[in-house]
Amino acid sequence: MYLPNPQRYDSMLYRRSGRSGVMLPAVSLGLWHNFGGVDRFDNGRAMLRRAFDMGITHFDLANNYGPPYGSAEENFGGILKKDFEPYRDELIISTKAGWDMWPGPYGDYGSRKYLLASLDQSLKRMGLPYVDIFYHHRPDPETPLEESMSALDTAVRSGRALYAGISAYDAKQTTEAVKILRDLGTPCLIHQPKYSMFVREPEHGLLDVLGKEGLGCIAFSPLAQGLLSDRYLQGVPPDSRASRNLFLKAADIDSRKLATIRSLNEIAKQRGQSLAQMAITWVLRDGRVTSALVGASSVEQLEQNVAALKNLKFSDEELRRIDEVLSGKAAKA
């Protein structure tokens, strides 16, 4: 029988999600990779146990996480029943729909039919009566925004979700979505954007909107699919994600990118951190960011990511040097 660490809340930092009543751990665990049907079940189970022992109370999923699609939710549901059922009310569990899930015109994007059918399937896979947060995973350029937001409103009003969220929406789309949901009586809780030292688009208006509207922000891929770690300091390893040319392409990691990674690593070492730890703390430097959503392939990697919270402060000089490296100015000097 799994008995969680009784001191699990003593060292984790929790941040309020916007102006809501929800607190999230500064580091949350995403199940995008390493929890699917092709992965080792016992490894995923060990990571989830260790995460909770360290005070990580938020586990983030989506309908098509795996592979195969749906298998991460199925595995999580099995682990939840075995280990976490007595602690369900201590957890924030989220899932999403918006990317391709099943064949045909009703298994992708943002129609009411797709979103609500997908949520029902997700709940069945996880063995849950509700999730805490249900996200629209990406905006749909064809479906009226009112329809997609109405589906989120229904999900909450029907009790299948406690809160509504959106992901990958730009600043203008977010403003419109927030207004629709507010008018429907289901305020948007949180936005999940892609944000890292290599992906800074949220700084160009989105974070301002989130701050103004009182939404939380949980940054996914803060390590840029592993680029912002020691994994690529010597080039592209043969067993890395980039070598498989999936979400991260080997062709994108040129000599200039490698030089940038190595320069950032030098700054991290001077801070007493790994590059991955500095990357996590960097996205958390902005008070509008509620949580950094990390993935992990092992318990040890997860522990190292959480250790980033031991040094959250940046000096103005450190931030200036990081910006110089990212802009290429440091390399030219």
Protein backbone atom coordinates (compact mmCIF):
# COMPACT_ATOMS: atom_id res chain seq x y z
CA MET A 1 0.00 0.00 0.00
CA TYR A 2 1.30 3.44 -0.96
CA LEU A 3 1.50 5.83 1.98
CA PRO A 4 2.51 9.35 0.92
CA ASN A 5 5.14 11.39 2.68
CA PRO A 6 3.44 13.12 5.66
CA GLN A 7 5.72 16.14 5.10
CA ARG A 8 4.76 16.48 1.42
CA TYR A 9 3.47 20.03 1.81
CA ASP A 10 6.35 21.38 3.86
CA SER A 11 8.76 22.38 1.10
CA MET A 12 6.69 22.85 -2.08
CA LEU A 13 5.86 26.41 -3.14
CA TYR A 14 2.23 27.02 -4.12
CA ARG A 15 1.03 29.94 -6.21
CA ARG A 16 -2.48 31.26 -6.73
CA SER A 17 -3.94 30.76 -10.19
CA GLY A 18 -4.78 34.34 -11.13
CA ARG A 19 -7.48 35.77 -8.88
CA SER A 20 -9.10 32.39 -8.26
CA GLY A 21 -9.17 30.29 -5.11
CA VAL A 22 -6.98 27.60 -6.69
CA MET A 23 -3.37 27.17 -5.62
CA LEU A 24 -1.02 25.17 -7.85
CA PRO A 25 2.44 23.83 -7.08
CA ALA A 26 5.17 25.91 -8.71
CA VAL A 27 6.20 22.73 -10.53
CA SER A 28 3.43 20.54 -11.97
CA LEU A 29 3.83 17.17 -13.68
CA GLY A 30 2.70 16.66 -17.26
CA LEU A 31 2.01 13.19 -18.68
CA TRP A 32 2.58 14.06 -22.35
CA HIS A 33 5.52 11.65 -22.62
CA ASN A 34 6.64 8.54 -20.69
CA PHE A 35 3.21 7.51 -19.38
CA GLY A 36 1.74 5.86 -22.47
CA GLY A 37 1.08 2.28 -23.42
CA VAL A 38 4.55 1.95 -24.95
CA ASP A 39 6.21 3.05 -21.71
CA ARG A 40 7.06 1.21 -18.51
CA PHE A 41 4.04 1.32 -16.23
CA ASP A 42 6.12 0.90 -13.07
CA ASN A 43 8.33 3.86 -14.02
CA GLY A 44 5.33 6.14 -14.52
CA ARG A 45 3.83 4.93 -11.25
CA ALA A 46 7.10 5.63 -9.39
CA MET A 47 7.26 9.16 -10.83
CA LEU A 48 3.68 9.95 -9.82
CA ARG A 49 4.27 8.65 -6.29
CA ARG A 50 7.47 10.65 -5.92
CA ALA A 51 5.81 13.74 -7.34
CA PHE A 52 3.06 13.62 -4.72
CA ASP A 53 5.62 12.92 -1.99
CA MET A 54 7.33 16.20 -2.97
CA GLY A 55 4.10 18.19 -2.87
CA ILE A 56 3.23 18.12 -6.58
CA THR A 57 -0.54 18.07 -6.46
CA HIS A 58 -1.25 18.85 -10.12
CA PHE A 59 -1.14 16.18 -12.82
CA ASP A 60 -1.84 17.34 -16.38
CA LEU A 61 -3.11 15.08 -19.18
CA ALA A 62 -4.85 15.26 -22.56
CA ASN A 63 -7.06 12.90 -24.51
CA ASN A 64 -4.36 11.93 -27.04
CA TYR A 65 -1.38 11.56 -24.72
CA GLY A 66 0.35 8.23 -25.16
CA PRO A 67 1.16 6.66 -27.50
CA PRO A 68 -1.23 5.18 -28.35
CA TYR A 69 -3.83 7.90 -27.95
CA GLY A 70 -5.69 7.63 -24.66
CA SER A 71 -3.18 5.32 -23.03
CA ALA A 72 -1.70 7.94 -20.69
CA GLU A 73 -5.16 8.56 -19.26
CA GLU A 74 -5.77 4.82 -18.97
CA ASN A 75 -2.48 4.25 -17.16
CA PHE A 76 -3.06 7.26 -14.93
CA GLY A 77 -6.52 5.97 -14.06
CA GLY A 78 -5.02 2.64 -13.03
CA ILE A 79 -2.38 4.32 -10.86
CA LEU A 80 -4.98 6.66 -9.39
CA LYS A 81 -7.11 3.72 -8.30
CA LYS A 82 -4.16 1.77 -6.88
CA ASP A 83 -2.37 4.63 -5.09
CA PHE A 84 -4.20 7.94 -4.99
CA GLU A 85 -7.88 7.21 -4.54
CA PRO A 86 -7.83 8.15 -0.83
CA TYR A 87 -6.10 11.44 -1.77
CA ARG A 88 -8.26 12.50 -4.73
CA ASP A 89 -9.36 15.69 -3.01
CA GLU A 90 -5.73 16.72 -2.57
CA LEU A 91 -5.16 16.61 -6.33
CA ILE A 92 -5.78 18.88 -9.30
CA ILE A 93 -6.26 16.65 -12.35
CA SER A 94 -6.63 18.24 -15.76
CA THR A 95 -7.25 16.99 -19.27
CA LYS A 96 -7.66 18.58 -22.67
CA ALA A 97 -9.23 18.14 -26.09
CA GLY A 98 -8.54 20.01 -29.31
CA TRP A 99 -5.97 18.03 -31.24
CA ASP A 100 -6.68 14.94 -33.32
CA MET A 101 -8.07 12.04 -31.33
CA TRP A 102 -10.20 9.78 -33.56
CA PRO A 103 -10.90 9.58 -37.32
CA GLY A 104 -13.51 11.66 -39.08
CA PRO A 105 -14.78 15.23 -38.75
CA TYR A 106 -15.85 14.91 -35.09
CA GLY A 107 -12.50 13.89 -33.56
CA ASP A 108 -10.46 17.09 -33.81
CA TYR A 109 -10.47 20.86 -33.21
CA GLY A 110 -13.25 22.57 -31.26
CA SER A 111 -16.82 21.57 -32.03
CA ARG A 112 -19.19 21.08 -29.13
CA LYS A 113 -19.65 17.46 -30.18
CA TYR A 114 -15.93 16.75 -30.14
CA LEU A 115 -15.10 18.51 -26.88
CA LEU A 116 -17.88 16.99 -24.80
CA ALA A 117 -17.58 13.50 -26.32
CA SER A 118 -13.84 13.61 -25.69
CA LEU A 119 -14.33 14.67 -22.07
CA ASP A 120 -16.73 11.78 -21.50
CA GLN A 121 -14.15 9.38 -22.96
CA SER A 122 -11.37 10.85 -20.81
CA LEU A 123 -13.42 10.46 -17.64
CA LYS A 124 -14.15 6.84 -18.52
CA ARG A 125 -10.47 6.09 -19.18
CA MET A 126 -9.40 7.62 -15.88
CA GLY A 127 -12.32 6.22 -13.89
CA LEU A 128 -13.29 9.67 -12.65
CA PRO A 129 -16.67 11.41 -12.25
CA TYR A 130 -15.00 14.78 -12.95
CA VAL A 131 -11.69 16.48 -13.69
CA ASP A 132 -10.62 19.64 -11.95
CA ILE A 133 -9.71 21.51 -15.15
CA PHE A 134 -10.90 20.84 -18.70
CA TYR A 135 -9.03 22.73 -21.42
CA HIS A 136 -9.70 23.51 -25.02
CA HIS A 137 -6.27 22.40 -26.23
CA ARG A 138 -5.96 24.85 -29.15
CA PRO A 139 -8.12 27.41 -30.94
CA ASP A 140 -10.18 26.22 -33.90
CA PRO A 141 -10.03 28.59 -36.90
CA GLU A 142 -13.31 27.23 -38.34
CA THR A 143 -15.61 26.67 -35.36
CA PRO A 144 -17.15 29.80 -33.78
CA LEU A 145 -15.41 30.58 -30.51
CA GLU A 146 -18.82 30.83 -28.85
CA GLU A 147 -19.43 27.15 -29.62
CA SER A 148 -16.13 25.95 -28.14
CA MET A 149 -16.53 28.09 -25.02
CA SER A 150 -20.14 26.97 -24.63
CA ALA A 151 -18.86 23.38 -24.51
CA LEU A 152 -16.47 24.31 -21.69
CA ASP A 153 -19.35 26.03 -19.88
CA THR A 154 -21.45 22.86 -20.24
CA ALA A 155 -18.60 20.71 -18.97
CA VAL A 156 -18.48 22.78 -15.78
CA ARG A 157 -22.24 23.17 -15.32
CA SER A 158 -22.77 19.43 -15.79
CA GLY A 159 -20.23 18.62 -13.07
CA ARG A 160 -17.78 16.87 -15.43
CA ALA A 161 -15.20 19.59 -14.72
CA LEU A 162 -14.75 22.09 -11.91
CA TYR A 163 -12.96 24.73 -13.98
CA ALA A 164 -12.46 25.70 -17.62
CA GLY A 165 -9.11 26.42 -19.23
CA ILE A 166 -7.65 27.24 -22.64
CA SER A 167 -4.30 26.44 -24.23
CA ALA A 168 -2.28 27.91 -27.11
CA TYR A 169 -4.62 30.88 -27.57
CA ASP A 170 -2.94 34.18 -28.49
CA ALA A 171 -3.66 37.43 -26.65
CA LYS A 172 -6.60 38.49 -28.84
CA GLN A 173 -8.20 35.04 -28.82
CA THR A 174 -7.74 34.84 -25.05
CA THR A 175 -9.45 38.19 -24.52
CA GLU A 176 -12.43 37.05 -26.59
CA ALA A 177 -12.63 33.62 -24.93
CA VAL A 178 -12.47 35.10 -21.43
CA LYS A 179 -15.34 37.49 -22.19
CA ILE A 180 -17.54 34.74 -23.62
CA LEU A 181 -16.95 32.46 -20.64
CA ARG A 182 -17.51 35.27 -18.16
CA ASP A 183 -20.80 36.20 -19.86
CA LEU A 184 -21.84 32.53 -19.69
CA GLY A 185 -21.13 32.53 -15.95
CA THR A 186 -18.14 30.16 -16.06
CA PRO A 187 -14.97 32.23 -15.65
CA CYS A 188 -11.82 30.91 -17.31
CA LEU A 189 -9.42 29.69 -14.64
CA ILE A 190 -6.14 29.30 -16.47
CA HIS A 191 -4.22 29.48 -19.73
CA GLN A 192 -1.59 26.94 -20.74
CA PRO A 193 0.85 28.52 -23.23
CA LYS A 194 4.11 27.21 -24.61
CA TYR A 195 6.73 29.35 -22.86
CA SER A 196 10.47 29.05 -22.41
CA MET A 197 13.66 30.99 -22.99
CA PHE A 198 13.41 29.84 -26.61
CA VAL A 199 9.68 30.53 -27.01
CA ARG A 200 8.85 34.01 -25.70
CA GLU A 201 5.65 34.84 -27.57
CA PRO A 202 3.56 34.97 -24.35
CA GLU A 203 5.55 38.10 -23.41
CA HIS A 204 4.11 39.90 -26.45
CA GLY A 205 0.70 40.66 -24.98
CA LEU A 206 -0.60 37.34 -23.61
CA LEU A 207 0.86 37.67 -20.11
CA ASP A 208 -0.54 41.21 -19.93
CA VAL A 209 -4.01 39.89 -20.80
CA LEU A 210 -3.75 37.13 -18.19
CA GLY A 211 -2.68 39.61 -15.53
CA LYS A 212 -5.45 42.06 -16.40
CA GLU A 213 -8.18 39.41 -16.58
CA GLY A 214 -7.03 37.53 -13.47
CA LEU A 215 -6.23 34.20 -15.13
CA GLY A 216 -3.55 31.81 -14.02
CA CYS A 217 -0.78 30.71 -16.36
CA ILE A 218 0.88 27.30 -16.49
CA ALA A 219 3.83 27.21 -18.88
CA PHE A 220 4.31 24.00 -20.87
CA SER A 221 7.63 22.94 -22.40
CA PRO A 222 9.71 25.26 -20.17
CA LEU A 223 12.73 23.11 -21.13
CA ALA A 224 11.96 23.47 -24.86
CA GLN A 225 11.56 19.72 -25.33
CA GLY A 226 14.82 19.11 -23.49
CA LEU A 227 16.94 21.64 -25.41
CA LEU A 228 17.31 23.65 -22.21
CA SER A 229 19.05 20.85 -20.36
CA ASP A 230 22.44 19.17 -20.39
CA ARG A 231 21.08 16.68 -22.92
CA TYR A 232 22.32 18.63 -25.96
CA LEU A 233 25.45 20.32 -24.65
CA GLN A 234 27.62 18.06 -26.80
CA GLY A 235 25.27 17.84 -29.79
CA VAL A 236 22.33 15.55 -30.60
CA PRO A 237 22.45 12.22 -28.70
CA PRO A 238 21.36 9.19 -30.73
CA ASP A 239 18.58 8.31 -28.26
CA SER A 240 17.18 11.85 -27.87
CA ARG A 241 13.82 13.24 -29.00
CA ALA A 242 15.59 15.34 -31.65
CA SER A 243 17.23 12.24 -33.12
CA ARG A 244 13.76 10.76 -33.68
CA ASN A 245 12.62 13.95 -35.51
CA LEU A 246 9.23 14.04 -33.81
CA PHE A 247 8.29 17.27 -32.02
CA LEU A 248 11.92 18.39 -31.91
CA LYS A 249 13.94 18.22 -35.13
CA ALA A 250 17.67 17.52 -35.28
CA ALA A 251 17.92 20.01 -38.15
CA ASP A 252 16.81 22.79 -35.79
CA ILE A 253 19.81 22.25 -33.52
CA ASP A 254 22.57 23.98 -35.46
CA SER A 255 25.92 25.26 -34.25
CA ARG A 256 24.44 28.62 -33.24
CA LYS A 257 21.74 26.96 -31.14
CA LEU A 258 24.33 24.75 -29.47
CA ALA A 259 26.48 27.80 -28.70
CA THR A 260 23.46 29.48 -27.10
CA ILE A 261 22.70 26.41 -24.99
CA ARG A 262 26.30 26.21 -23.80
CA SER A 263 26.39 29.92 -22.90
CA LEU A 264 23.18 29.58 -20.92
CA ASN A 265 24.64 26.56 -19.17
CA GLU A 266 27.59 28.66 -18.00
CA ILE A 267 25.20 31.18 -16.42
CA ALA A 268 23.29 28.34 -14.76
CA LYS A 269 26.50 26.88 -13.30
CA GLN A 270 27.38 30.27 -11.81
CA ARG A 271 23.94 30.25 -10.15
CA GLY A 272 24.62 26.80 -8.72
CA GLN A 273 21.96 25.24 -10.94
CA SER A 274 21.74 22.92 -13.90
CA LEU A 275 20.54 24.46 -17.16
CA ALA A 276 17.18 22.71 -16.75
CA GLN A 277 16.77 24.12 -13.26
CA MET A 278 17.55 27.64 -14.45
CA ALA A 279 15.10 27.26 -17.34
CA ILE A 280 12.33 26.31 -14.91
CA THR A 281 13.07 29.19 -12.55
CA TRP A 282 13.30 31.58 -15.51
CA VAL A 283 9.66 31.01 -16.53
CA LEU A 284 8.65 31.35 -12.87
CA ARG A 285 10.43 34.71 -12.51
CA ASP A 286 7.24 36.44 -13.70
CA GLY A 287 4.62 36.52 -10.97
CA ARG A 288 1.87 36.06 -13.56
CA VAL A 289 3.13 32.52 -14.20
CA THR A 290 1.48 30.19 -11.71
CA SER A 291 3.32 26.96 -12.44
CA ALA A 292 5.94 25.37 -14.70
CA LEU A 293 4.59 22.20 -16.30
CA VAL A 294 7.43 19.72 -16.62
CA GLY A 295 7.75 16.23 -17.99
CA ALA A 296 10.12 13.59 -16.67
CA SER A 297 11.49 10.23 -17.74
CA SER A 298 12.70 9.14 -14.30
CA VAL A 299 12.28 9.82 -10.62
CA GLU A 300 15.78 11.30 -10.51
CA GLN A 301 15.01 13.76 -13.31
CA LEU A 302 11.81 14.82 -11.57
CA GLU A 303 13.69 15.40 -8.32
CA GLN A 304 16.25 17.54 -10.13
CA ASN A 305 13.47 19.63 -11.70
CA VAL A 306 11.81 20.27 -8.34
CA ALA A 307 15.20 21.23 -6.87
CA ALA A 308 15.06 24.28 -9.15
CA LEU A 309 12.79 25.88 -6.54
CA LYS A 310 15.72 26.21 -4.14
CA ASN A 311 16.95 29.26 -6.07
CA LEU A 312 14.15 31.29 -7.62
CA LYS A 313 15.77 34.73 -7.52
CA PHE A 314 17.54 36.32 -10.47
CA SER A 315 19.68 39.42 -10.28
CA ASP A 316 19.19 42.13 -12.88
CA GLU A 317 22.64 41.29 -14.18
CA GLU A 318 21.77 37.61 -14.64
CA LEU A 319 18.61 38.48 -16.55
CA ARG A 320 20.54 40.92 -18.71
CA ARG A 321 23.15 38.28 -19.54
CA ILE A 322 20.48 35.71 -20.38
CA ASP A 323 18.76 38.17 -22.71
CA GLU A 324 22.08 38.94 -24.39
CA VAL A 325 22.74 35.26 -24.99
CA LEU A 326 19.25 34.66 -26.35
CA SER A 327 19.45 37.68 -28.67
CA GLY A 328 22.85 36.62 -30.00
CA LYS A 329 24.61 39.73 -28.73
CA ALA A 330 26.80 37.81 -26.31
CA ALA A 331 28.07 35.55 -29.09
CA LYS A 332 29.08 38.56 -31.18
CA ALA A 333 30.86 40.36 -28.37
